N, C-alpha and C. Protein backbone atom coordinates (compact mmCIF):
# COMPACT_ATOMS: atom_id res chain seq x y z
N MET A 1 -4.49 7.35 0.93
CA MET A 1 -5.48 7.21 -0.10
C MET A 1 -6.61 8.19 0.17
N PRO A 2 -7.04 8.94 -0.83
CA PRO A 2 -8.12 9.90 -0.63
C PRO A 2 -9.44 9.21 -0.37
N PRO A 3 -10.44 9.97 0.09
CA PRO A 3 -11.76 9.38 0.31
C PRO A 3 -12.32 8.78 -0.98
N ASP A 4 -13.51 8.19 -0.87
CA ASP A 4 -14.12 7.52 -2.02
C ASP A 4 -13.97 8.37 -3.28
N ARG A 5 -13.68 7.68 -4.38
CA ARG A 5 -13.49 8.37 -5.63
C ARG A 5 -13.80 7.40 -6.76
N ASP A 6 -14.03 7.95 -7.93
CA ASP A 6 -14.23 7.14 -9.11
C ASP A 6 -12.85 6.78 -9.63
N SER A 7 -12.43 5.53 -9.46
CA SER A 7 -11.04 5.17 -9.75
C SER A 7 -10.91 4.31 -11.00
N ARG A 8 -11.90 4.33 -11.88
CA ARG A 8 -11.81 3.50 -13.09
C ARG A 8 -10.57 3.81 -13.89
N ASP A 9 -10.12 5.05 -13.87
CA ASP A 9 -8.98 5.43 -14.67
C ASP A 9 -7.76 5.76 -13.83
N MET A 10 -7.77 5.40 -12.56
CA MET A 10 -6.65 5.73 -11.68
C MET A 10 -5.83 4.47 -11.36
N TYR A 11 -4.52 4.70 -11.30
CA TYR A 11 -3.60 3.62 -10.99
C TYR A 11 -2.73 4.06 -9.82
N GLU A 12 -2.38 3.10 -8.98
CA GLU A 12 -1.47 3.35 -7.88
C GLU A 12 -0.07 3.00 -8.39
N VAL A 13 0.79 4.00 -8.50
CA VAL A 13 2.18 3.79 -8.90
C VAL A 13 3.00 3.73 -7.62
N GLU A 14 3.64 2.60 -7.38
CA GLU A 14 4.33 2.40 -6.10
C GLU A 14 5.69 1.75 -6.33
N LEU A 15 6.68 2.29 -5.64
CA LEU A 15 8.00 1.67 -5.58
C LEU A 15 8.27 1.34 -4.12
N LYS A 16 8.83 0.15 -3.88
CA LYS A 16 9.08 -0.30 -2.50
C LYS A 16 10.46 -0.92 -2.43
N VAL A 17 11.21 -0.54 -1.39
CA VAL A 17 12.53 -1.11 -1.13
C VAL A 17 12.67 -1.34 0.37
N ARG A 18 13.62 -2.19 0.73
CA ARG A 18 14.00 -2.29 2.14
C ARG A 18 14.87 -1.08 2.44
N GLY A 19 14.76 -0.53 3.64
CA GLY A 19 15.58 0.63 3.97
C GLY A 19 15.56 0.95 5.45
N SER A 20 16.65 1.50 5.93
CA SER A 20 16.76 1.91 7.32
C SER A 20 15.90 3.15 7.55
N HIS A 21 14.93 3.04 8.42
CA HIS A 21 14.04 4.17 8.68
C HIS A 21 14.78 5.37 9.26
N ASP A 22 15.76 5.13 10.12
CA ASP A 22 16.50 6.26 10.72
C ASP A 22 17.18 7.09 9.64
N ALA A 23 17.88 6.44 8.70
CA ALA A 23 18.58 7.15 7.63
C ALA A 23 17.59 7.88 6.72
N VAL A 24 16.47 7.24 6.41
CA VAL A 24 15.48 7.86 5.52
C VAL A 24 14.82 9.05 6.21
N ARG A 25 14.52 8.94 7.51
CA ARG A 25 13.93 10.07 8.24
C ARG A 25 14.86 11.29 8.18
N GLU A 26 16.16 11.05 8.34
CA GLU A 26 17.12 12.17 8.25
C GLU A 26 17.06 12.84 6.89
N ARG A 27 16.99 12.05 5.82
CA ARG A 27 16.92 12.60 4.46
C ARG A 27 15.59 13.32 4.25
N LEU A 28 14.50 12.75 4.74
CA LEU A 28 13.19 13.39 4.61
C LEU A 28 13.20 14.75 5.29
N ASP A 29 13.79 14.82 6.47
CA ASP A 29 13.89 16.09 7.19
C ASP A 29 14.73 17.09 6.40
N ALA A 30 15.87 16.64 5.88
CA ALA A 30 16.75 17.52 5.12
C ALA A 30 16.08 18.03 3.84
N LEU A 31 15.20 17.22 3.25
CA LEU A 31 14.51 17.60 2.01
C LEU A 31 13.23 18.40 2.26
N GLY A 32 12.87 18.59 3.53
CA GLY A 32 11.69 19.37 3.86
C GLY A 32 10.38 18.64 3.69
N ALA A 33 10.40 17.31 3.79
CA ALA A 33 9.17 16.53 3.66
C ALA A 33 8.23 16.85 4.83
N GLU A 34 6.95 16.76 4.57
CA GLU A 34 5.93 17.01 5.59
C GLU A 34 5.55 15.69 6.26
N ASP A 35 5.66 15.63 7.58
CA ASP A 35 5.24 14.46 8.35
C ASP A 35 3.72 14.54 8.48
N VAL A 36 3.01 13.55 7.93
CA VAL A 36 1.55 13.59 7.96
C VAL A 36 0.95 12.56 8.91
N GLY A 37 1.80 11.95 9.75
CA GLY A 37 1.27 11.11 10.82
C GLY A 37 1.59 9.64 10.68
N SER A 38 1.21 8.94 11.73
CA SER A 38 1.47 7.50 11.83
C SER A 38 0.15 6.76 12.01
N VAL A 39 0.11 5.54 11.48
CA VAL A 39 -1.07 4.69 11.62
C VAL A 39 -0.62 3.26 11.85
N THR A 40 -1.52 2.48 12.41
CA THR A 40 -1.37 1.04 12.49
C THR A 40 -2.45 0.44 11.61
N GLN A 41 -2.05 -0.49 10.75
CA GLN A 41 -3.00 -1.12 9.83
C GLN A 41 -2.99 -2.63 10.00
N VAL A 42 -4.18 -3.20 9.97
CA VAL A 42 -4.35 -4.65 9.95
C VAL A 42 -5.16 -4.96 8.69
N ASP A 43 -4.49 -5.62 7.74
CA ASP A 43 -5.11 -5.94 6.45
C ASP A 43 -5.46 -7.41 6.40
N THR A 44 -6.74 -7.71 6.20
CA THR A 44 -7.19 -9.08 6.02
C THR A 44 -7.44 -9.30 4.54
N TYR A 45 -6.70 -10.25 3.96
CA TYR A 45 -6.83 -10.58 2.53
C TYR A 45 -7.72 -11.80 2.38
N TYR A 46 -8.42 -11.87 1.25
CA TYR A 46 -9.42 -12.91 1.03
C TYR A 46 -9.12 -13.71 -0.22
N ASP A 47 -9.48 -14.99 -0.17
CA ASP A 47 -9.50 -15.85 -1.34
C ASP A 47 -10.89 -15.78 -1.93
N ALA A 48 -10.96 -15.79 -3.25
CA ALA A 48 -12.25 -15.73 -3.95
C ALA A 48 -12.76 -17.15 -4.23
N PRO A 49 -14.08 -17.33 -4.21
CA PRO A 49 -14.62 -18.65 -4.50
C PRO A 49 -14.62 -18.98 -6.00
N HIS A 50 -14.46 -17.96 -6.86
CA HIS A 50 -14.63 -18.15 -8.30
C HIS A 50 -13.33 -18.06 -9.11
N ARG A 51 -12.21 -17.66 -8.46
CA ARG A 51 -10.92 -17.66 -9.16
C ARG A 51 -9.79 -17.56 -8.14
N ASP A 52 -8.61 -17.91 -8.59
CA ASP A 52 -7.43 -17.93 -7.73
C ASP A 52 -6.70 -16.59 -7.86
N PHE A 53 -6.82 -15.75 -6.83
CA PHE A 53 -6.20 -14.42 -6.87
C PHE A 53 -4.68 -14.51 -7.00
N ALA A 54 -4.07 -15.53 -6.43
CA ALA A 54 -2.62 -15.68 -6.56
C ALA A 54 -2.26 -15.89 -8.03
N GLU A 55 -3.09 -16.62 -8.74
CA GLU A 55 -2.85 -16.88 -10.17
C GLU A 55 -3.13 -15.65 -11.03
N THR A 56 -4.16 -14.88 -10.67
CA THR A 56 -4.55 -13.72 -11.48
C THR A 56 -3.84 -12.44 -11.03
N ASP A 57 -3.06 -12.51 -9.95
CA ASP A 57 -2.32 -11.37 -9.41
C ASP A 57 -3.26 -10.25 -8.97
N GLU A 58 -4.38 -10.62 -8.37
CA GLU A 58 -5.34 -9.67 -7.84
C GLU A 58 -5.37 -9.81 -6.31
N ALA A 59 -6.01 -8.85 -5.66
CA ALA A 59 -6.16 -8.94 -4.22
C ALA A 59 -7.46 -8.25 -3.80
N LEU A 60 -8.06 -8.77 -2.75
CA LEU A 60 -9.22 -8.16 -2.12
C LEU A 60 -8.92 -8.14 -0.63
N ARG A 61 -9.07 -6.97 -0.01
CA ARG A 61 -8.75 -6.88 1.41
C ARG A 61 -9.71 -5.94 2.12
N ILE A 62 -9.79 -6.15 3.43
CA ILE A 62 -10.39 -5.17 4.34
C ILE A 62 -9.24 -4.63 5.17
N ARG A 63 -9.09 -3.32 5.18
CA ARG A 63 -8.05 -2.67 5.97
C ARG A 63 -8.71 -1.98 7.16
N ARG A 64 -8.25 -2.34 8.35
CA ARG A 64 -8.67 -1.66 9.58
C ARG A 64 -7.48 -0.81 10.02
N GLU A 65 -7.75 0.48 10.22
CA GLU A 65 -6.66 1.43 10.50
C GLU A 65 -6.97 2.27 11.72
N ARG A 66 -5.92 2.45 12.53
CA ARG A 66 -6.00 3.37 13.67
C ARG A 66 -4.86 4.35 13.53
N GLY A 67 -5.21 5.65 13.63
CA GLY A 67 -4.20 6.68 13.49
C GLY A 67 -4.10 7.55 14.72
N GLU A 68 -2.93 8.13 14.91
CA GLU A 68 -2.70 9.00 16.06
C GLU A 68 -3.51 10.30 15.94
N ARG A 69 -3.72 10.77 14.72
CA ARG A 69 -4.39 12.06 14.53
C ARG A 69 -5.90 12.00 14.69
N ASP A 70 -6.48 10.80 14.56
CA ASP A 70 -7.94 10.69 14.70
C ASP A 70 -8.34 10.17 16.07
N GLY A 71 -7.44 10.32 17.05
CA GLY A 71 -7.75 9.90 18.41
C GLY A 71 -7.78 8.41 18.60
N GLY A 72 -7.23 7.66 17.67
CA GLY A 72 -7.19 6.21 17.80
C GLY A 72 -8.45 5.50 17.35
N ALA A 73 -9.39 6.25 16.75
CA ALA A 73 -10.61 5.61 16.25
C ALA A 73 -10.27 4.73 15.06
N GLU A 74 -10.96 3.60 14.96
CA GLU A 74 -10.70 2.68 13.84
C GLU A 74 -11.56 3.05 12.64
N THR A 75 -10.94 3.04 11.48
CA THR A 75 -11.66 3.18 10.22
C THR A 75 -11.43 1.90 9.41
N SER A 76 -12.35 1.62 8.50
CA SER A 76 -12.23 0.42 7.67
C SER A 76 -12.48 0.78 6.22
N ARG A 77 -11.73 0.11 5.33
CA ARG A 77 -11.87 0.30 3.89
C ARG A 77 -11.78 -1.07 3.24
N VAL A 78 -12.53 -1.26 2.17
CA VAL A 78 -12.40 -2.46 1.37
C VAL A 78 -11.72 -2.04 0.06
N THR A 79 -10.76 -2.87 -0.38
CA THR A 79 -9.95 -2.52 -1.55
C THR A 79 -9.82 -3.72 -2.47
N TYR A 80 -10.00 -3.46 -3.76
CA TYR A 80 -9.67 -4.42 -4.81
C TYR A 80 -8.41 -3.90 -5.49
N LYS A 81 -7.42 -4.78 -5.67
CA LYS A 81 -6.20 -4.43 -6.41
C LYS A 81 -6.10 -5.35 -7.61
N GLY A 82 -6.00 -4.74 -8.79
CA GLY A 82 -5.88 -5.52 -10.02
C GLY A 82 -4.46 -6.00 -10.24
N PRO A 83 -4.26 -6.76 -11.30
CA PRO A 83 -2.92 -7.26 -11.60
C PRO A 83 -1.97 -6.13 -11.95
N LEU A 84 -0.67 -6.38 -11.79
CA LEU A 84 0.33 -5.39 -12.17
C LEU A 84 0.18 -5.07 -13.65
N VAL A 85 0.37 -3.79 -14.00
CA VAL A 85 0.18 -3.36 -15.39
C VAL A 85 1.47 -3.03 -16.10
N GLU A 86 2.60 -3.05 -15.38
CA GLU A 86 3.88 -2.82 -16.02
C GLU A 86 4.97 -3.53 -15.23
N SER A 87 6.12 -3.72 -15.87
CA SER A 87 7.19 -4.47 -15.22
C SER A 87 8.16 -3.57 -14.45
N ALA A 88 8.07 -2.26 -14.61
CA ALA A 88 9.05 -1.36 -14.00
C ALA A 88 8.67 -0.89 -12.60
N SER A 89 7.46 -1.18 -12.14
CA SER A 89 7.03 -0.76 -10.81
C SER A 89 5.88 -1.65 -10.36
N LYS A 90 5.36 -1.34 -9.18
CA LYS A 90 4.20 -2.05 -8.65
C LYS A 90 2.94 -1.27 -8.98
N THR A 91 2.70 -1.00 -10.26
CA THR A 91 1.56 -0.21 -10.68
C THR A 91 0.39 -1.13 -10.98
N ARG A 92 -0.75 -0.78 -10.41
CA ARG A 92 -1.95 -1.58 -10.62
C ARG A 92 -3.19 -0.72 -10.44
N ARG A 93 -4.28 -1.16 -11.03
CA ARG A 93 -5.56 -0.51 -10.81
C ARG A 93 -5.98 -0.80 -9.38
N GLU A 94 -6.53 0.23 -8.72
CA GLU A 94 -6.98 0.07 -7.35
C GLU A 94 -8.36 0.71 -7.20
N VAL A 95 -9.27 -0.04 -6.61
CA VAL A 95 -10.62 0.46 -6.34
C VAL A 95 -10.84 0.31 -4.84
N GLU A 96 -11.15 1.41 -4.18
CA GLU A 96 -11.24 1.40 -2.71
C GLU A 96 -12.40 2.26 -2.24
N THR A 97 -13.03 1.84 -1.15
CA THR A 97 -14.08 2.64 -0.56
C THR A 97 -14.14 2.38 0.95
N ALA A 98 -14.60 3.39 1.67
CA ALA A 98 -14.79 3.25 3.11
C ALA A 98 -15.98 2.35 3.38
N VAL A 99 -15.90 1.61 4.49
CA VAL A 99 -17.04 0.84 4.97
C VAL A 99 -17.25 1.22 6.42
N ALA A 100 -18.50 1.29 6.82
CA ALA A 100 -18.82 1.73 8.18
C ALA A 100 -18.37 0.74 9.24
N ASP A 101 -18.36 -0.56 8.90
CA ASP A 101 -18.06 -1.59 9.89
C ASP A 101 -17.29 -2.72 9.21
N GLY A 102 -16.00 -2.81 9.50
CA GLY A 102 -15.16 -3.84 8.89
C GLY A 102 -15.61 -5.24 9.21
N ASP A 103 -16.12 -5.47 10.42
CA ASP A 103 -16.57 -6.81 10.80
C ASP A 103 -17.81 -7.21 10.01
N ARG A 104 -18.70 -6.27 9.77
CA ARG A 104 -19.91 -6.58 8.97
C ARG A 104 -19.51 -6.84 7.52
N MET A 105 -18.53 -6.10 7.01
CA MET A 105 -18.04 -6.34 5.65
C MET A 105 -17.44 -7.73 5.56
N ASP A 106 -16.71 -8.14 6.58
CA ASP A 106 -16.16 -9.50 6.63
C ASP A 106 -17.29 -10.53 6.57
N ASP A 107 -18.39 -10.28 7.31
CA ASP A 107 -19.55 -11.17 7.28
C ASP A 107 -20.16 -11.26 5.89
N ILE A 108 -20.24 -10.11 5.20
CA ILE A 108 -20.79 -10.09 3.83
C ILE A 108 -19.92 -10.92 2.90
N LEU A 109 -18.60 -10.69 2.97
CA LEU A 109 -17.70 -11.44 2.10
C LEU A 109 -17.79 -12.94 2.39
N GLY A 110 -17.86 -13.30 3.67
CA GLY A 110 -18.00 -14.71 4.03
C GLY A 110 -19.28 -15.32 3.48
N ALA A 111 -20.37 -14.56 3.53
CA ALA A 111 -21.65 -15.06 3.01
C ALA A 111 -21.58 -15.27 1.50
N LEU A 112 -20.70 -14.54 0.82
CA LEU A 112 -20.54 -14.67 -0.63
C LEU A 112 -19.49 -15.72 -1.01
N GLY A 113 -18.88 -16.35 0.00
CA GLY A 113 -17.92 -17.41 -0.28
C GLY A 113 -16.46 -16.99 -0.25
N PHE A 114 -16.19 -15.71 0.06
CA PHE A 114 -14.81 -15.26 0.19
C PHE A 114 -14.29 -15.68 1.56
N ALA A 115 -13.09 -16.25 1.60
CA ALA A 115 -12.54 -16.75 2.86
C ALA A 115 -11.26 -15.98 3.20
N PRO A 116 -11.10 -15.60 4.48
CA PRO A 116 -9.85 -14.94 4.87
C PRO A 116 -8.66 -15.84 4.54
N ALA A 117 -7.62 -15.25 3.92
CA ALA A 117 -6.45 -16.01 3.50
C ALA A 117 -5.23 -15.70 4.35
N ALA A 118 -5.07 -14.43 4.72
CA ALA A 118 -3.89 -14.02 5.49
C ALA A 118 -4.13 -12.64 6.06
N VAL A 119 -3.36 -12.32 7.10
CA VAL A 119 -3.43 -11.00 7.73
C VAL A 119 -2.03 -10.40 7.71
N VAL A 120 -1.94 -9.13 7.29
CA VAL A 120 -0.68 -8.39 7.28
C VAL A 120 -0.85 -7.22 8.24
N GLU A 121 0.04 -7.14 9.25
CA GLU A 121 -0.01 -6.06 10.23
C GLU A 121 1.22 -5.17 10.06
N LYS A 122 0.98 -3.85 10.07
CA LYS A 122 2.10 -2.93 9.90
C LYS A 122 1.85 -1.60 10.60
N ASP A 123 2.97 -1.00 11.00
CA ASP A 123 2.97 0.37 11.51
C ASP A 123 3.57 1.22 10.40
N ARG A 124 2.91 2.36 10.12
CA ARG A 124 3.31 3.19 9.00
C ARG A 124 3.49 4.64 9.45
N ASP A 125 4.64 5.21 9.09
CA ASP A 125 4.89 6.64 9.28
C ASP A 125 4.85 7.26 7.89
N ARG A 126 3.99 8.25 7.71
CA ARG A 126 3.76 8.83 6.39
C ARG A 126 4.31 10.24 6.28
N TYR A 127 4.85 10.52 5.10
CA TYR A 127 5.39 11.84 4.76
C TYR A 127 4.93 12.20 3.36
N VAL A 128 4.93 13.49 3.06
CA VAL A 128 4.68 13.95 1.70
C VAL A 128 5.92 14.68 1.23
N LEU A 129 6.40 14.29 0.04
CA LEU A 129 7.59 14.87 -0.55
C LEU A 129 7.33 15.09 -2.04
N ASP A 130 7.31 16.35 -2.44
CA ASP A 130 7.13 16.70 -3.86
C ASP A 130 5.90 16.03 -4.48
N GLY A 131 4.81 15.95 -3.73
CA GLY A 131 3.57 15.37 -4.26
C GLY A 131 3.49 13.86 -4.16
N TYR A 132 4.51 13.22 -3.63
CA TYR A 132 4.53 11.77 -3.45
C TYR A 132 4.34 11.44 -1.98
N THR A 133 3.66 10.35 -1.70
CA THR A 133 3.56 9.84 -0.33
C THR A 133 4.73 8.90 -0.10
N VAL A 134 5.50 9.19 0.93
CA VAL A 134 6.62 8.33 1.33
C VAL A 134 6.19 7.68 2.64
N THR A 135 6.19 6.37 2.67
CA THR A 135 5.74 5.64 3.84
C THR A 135 6.86 4.75 4.37
N LEU A 136 7.13 4.90 5.65
CA LEU A 136 8.10 4.04 6.32
C LEU A 136 7.30 2.95 7.03
N ASP A 137 7.39 1.74 6.52
CA ASP A 137 6.60 0.62 7.02
C ASP A 137 7.44 -0.32 7.87
N THR A 138 6.91 -0.66 9.03
CA THR A 138 7.45 -1.75 9.82
C THR A 138 6.39 -2.85 9.79
N VAL A 139 6.70 -3.94 9.08
CA VAL A 139 5.74 -4.99 8.83
C VAL A 139 6.06 -6.19 9.72
N ALA A 140 5.05 -6.63 10.46
CA ALA A 140 5.23 -7.77 11.37
C ALA A 140 5.79 -8.96 10.60
N ASP A 141 6.83 -9.57 11.14
CA ASP A 141 7.49 -10.76 10.59
C ASP A 141 8.26 -10.51 9.30
N LEU A 142 8.36 -9.24 8.84
CA LEU A 142 9.10 -8.95 7.60
C LEU A 142 10.18 -7.88 7.77
N GLY A 143 9.96 -6.88 8.63
CA GLY A 143 10.97 -5.85 8.83
C GLY A 143 10.59 -4.48 8.30
N GLU A 144 11.62 -3.66 7.99
CA GLU A 144 11.44 -2.26 7.59
C GLU A 144 11.51 -2.10 6.07
N PHE A 145 10.55 -1.30 5.57
CA PHE A 145 10.46 -1.00 4.14
C PHE A 145 10.17 0.48 3.95
N VAL A 146 10.48 0.98 2.76
CA VAL A 146 10.14 2.34 2.37
C VAL A 146 9.34 2.25 1.08
N GLU A 147 8.16 2.86 1.06
CA GLU A 147 7.33 2.91 -0.14
C GLU A 147 7.20 4.36 -0.59
N ILE A 148 7.22 4.55 -1.88
CA ILE A 148 6.92 5.85 -2.48
C ILE A 148 5.80 5.61 -3.47
N GLU A 149 4.72 6.37 -3.34
CA GLU A 149 3.59 6.15 -4.23
C GLU A 149 2.87 7.44 -4.57
N ARG A 150 2.13 7.33 -5.65
CA ARG A 150 1.29 8.44 -6.11
C ARG A 150 0.29 7.86 -7.10
N GLU A 151 -0.88 8.42 -7.13
CA GLU A 151 -1.87 7.99 -8.10
C GLU A 151 -1.60 8.66 -9.44
N ALA A 152 -2.01 7.97 -10.51
CA ALA A 152 -1.81 8.51 -11.85
C ALA A 152 -2.89 7.98 -12.78
N THR A 153 -3.17 8.75 -13.80
CA THR A 153 -4.00 8.21 -14.88
C THR A 153 -3.11 7.27 -15.69
N GLU A 154 -3.72 6.46 -16.51
CA GLU A 154 -2.94 5.52 -17.32
C GLU A 154 -1.89 6.25 -18.17
N ALA A 155 -2.27 7.40 -18.70
CA ALA A 155 -1.35 8.17 -19.55
C ALA A 155 -0.14 8.71 -18.79
N ASP A 156 -0.28 8.89 -17.47
CA ASP A 156 0.80 9.50 -16.67
C ASP A 156 1.62 8.49 -15.87
N VAL A 157 1.35 7.21 -16.02
CA VAL A 157 2.04 6.20 -15.21
C VAL A 157 3.56 6.30 -15.34
N GLU A 158 4.07 6.39 -16.55
CA GLU A 158 5.52 6.42 -16.75
C GLU A 158 6.16 7.64 -16.11
N THR A 159 5.55 8.80 -16.30
CA THR A 159 6.09 10.04 -15.72
C THR A 159 6.09 9.98 -14.20
N VAL A 160 5.00 9.49 -13.62
CA VAL A 160 4.90 9.39 -12.16
C VAL A 160 5.91 8.36 -11.64
N ARG A 161 6.08 7.24 -12.35
CA ARG A 161 7.07 6.23 -11.94
C ARG A 161 8.48 6.83 -11.96
N GLU A 162 8.81 7.59 -13.01
CA GLU A 162 10.13 8.22 -13.08
C GLU A 162 10.34 9.19 -11.93
N GLY A 163 9.29 9.94 -11.56
CA GLY A 163 9.38 10.84 -10.41
C GLY A 163 9.59 10.08 -9.11
N ALA A 164 8.92 8.94 -8.96
CA ALA A 164 9.09 8.12 -7.76
C ALA A 164 10.52 7.57 -7.69
N THR A 165 11.06 7.20 -8.83
CA THR A 165 12.44 6.73 -8.89
C THR A 165 13.39 7.83 -8.44
N ASP A 166 13.16 9.05 -8.91
CA ASP A 166 14.00 10.19 -8.49
C ASP A 166 13.89 10.43 -6.99
N ARG A 167 12.67 10.32 -6.42
CA ARG A 167 12.50 10.52 -4.98
C ARG A 167 13.26 9.45 -4.19
N LEU A 168 13.23 8.19 -4.68
CA LEU A 168 14.00 7.14 -4.01
C LEU A 168 15.48 7.51 -3.95
N ARG A 169 16.00 7.97 -5.08
CA ARG A 169 17.41 8.37 -5.12
C ARG A 169 17.67 9.53 -4.16
N ASP A 170 16.74 10.51 -4.12
CA ASP A 170 16.87 11.64 -3.20
C ASP A 170 16.99 11.17 -1.75
N LEU A 171 16.35 10.04 -1.45
CA LEU A 171 16.37 9.51 -0.09
C LEU A 171 17.56 8.59 0.17
N GLY A 172 18.44 8.47 -0.83
CA GLY A 172 19.62 7.64 -0.66
C GLY A 172 19.34 6.16 -0.85
N LEU A 173 18.25 5.84 -1.54
CA LEU A 173 17.87 4.45 -1.76
C LEU A 173 18.08 4.09 -3.23
N ASP A 174 18.30 2.83 -3.50
CA ASP A 174 18.60 2.35 -4.85
C ASP A 174 17.34 1.80 -5.51
N PRO A 175 16.84 2.47 -6.56
CA PRO A 175 15.65 1.97 -7.25
C PRO A 175 15.82 0.57 -7.83
N ASP A 176 17.06 0.16 -8.10
CA ASP A 176 17.31 -1.18 -8.63
C ASP A 176 17.05 -2.27 -7.60
N GLU A 177 16.89 -1.88 -6.34
CA GLU A 177 16.58 -2.84 -5.28
C GLU A 177 15.07 -2.95 -5.02
N GLN A 178 14.30 -2.42 -5.95
CA GLN A 178 12.84 -2.41 -5.81
C GLN A 178 12.29 -3.83 -5.62
N ILE A 179 11.29 -3.91 -4.75
CA ILE A 179 10.58 -5.16 -4.48
C ILE A 179 9.19 -5.01 -5.08
N ARG A 180 8.86 -5.85 -6.04
CA ARG A 180 7.56 -5.75 -6.70
C ARG A 180 6.52 -6.68 -6.07
N THR A 181 6.93 -7.48 -5.11
CA THR A 181 6.02 -8.39 -4.43
C THR A 181 5.31 -7.64 -3.31
N SER A 182 4.02 -7.89 -3.15
CA SER A 182 3.26 -7.25 -2.07
C SER A 182 3.71 -7.79 -0.72
N TYR A 183 3.34 -7.08 0.35
CA TYR A 183 3.63 -7.58 1.69
C TYR A 183 2.97 -8.94 1.89
N LEU A 184 1.77 -9.10 1.36
CA LEU A 184 1.09 -10.39 1.46
C LEU A 184 1.94 -11.48 0.82
N GLY A 185 2.42 -11.23 -0.40
CA GLY A 185 3.25 -12.21 -1.10
C GLY A 185 4.53 -12.50 -0.35
N LEU A 186 5.18 -11.46 0.18
CA LEU A 186 6.41 -11.64 0.96
C LEU A 186 6.14 -12.50 2.20
N LEU A 187 5.02 -12.20 2.87
CA LEU A 187 4.68 -12.95 4.07
C LEU A 187 4.38 -14.42 3.75
N LEU A 188 3.63 -14.67 2.69
CA LEU A 188 3.30 -16.04 2.32
C LEU A 188 4.54 -16.81 1.86
N ASN A 189 5.47 -16.10 1.19
CA ASN A 189 6.70 -16.75 0.73
C ASN A 189 7.68 -17.03 1.86
N SER A 190 7.54 -16.30 2.98
CA SER A 190 8.47 -16.48 4.09
C SER A 190 8.07 -17.62 5.02
N SER A 191 6.83 -18.08 4.86
CA SER A 191 6.37 -19.15 5.77
C SER A 191 6.47 -20.52 5.15
């Protein structure tokens, strides 16, 4: 995700499937994808005091991330994810910004009545392929997944989704096996 931006008109178009990382890495290498590094992420999701995010299909999280390229320093971002906007992918409005201190942001949310609901931990290997970010995720208690994503304006969502579908096929993955449930939803459904 790029640094702070005005995202009122931006959507995250994402396709996610289960997949063997070894096989996908081989295809990424053969296709000339650029390895852009690995990170560990700990995402804390919150319940809102004024509405049920599970019912509205929204999410609010603080993401704490450590990457190999930044010397292991932790960065934090707060993200709002709106409800899904189409049935063919995991496309939703996303508003995100960096915060200087994730723990202080947690204190602010707590003071406003937001309560931690769940934590999702994952290791991510990221690649760039034809303008798309391909992420190989190993999610604690869930296993291995492959995500392909790219930002788009509302007018470009369909074109970007079709491109993501093509990239999945290029990687030897079946777009019909797409998982539209978030890692948070998968984790909550597995317990």
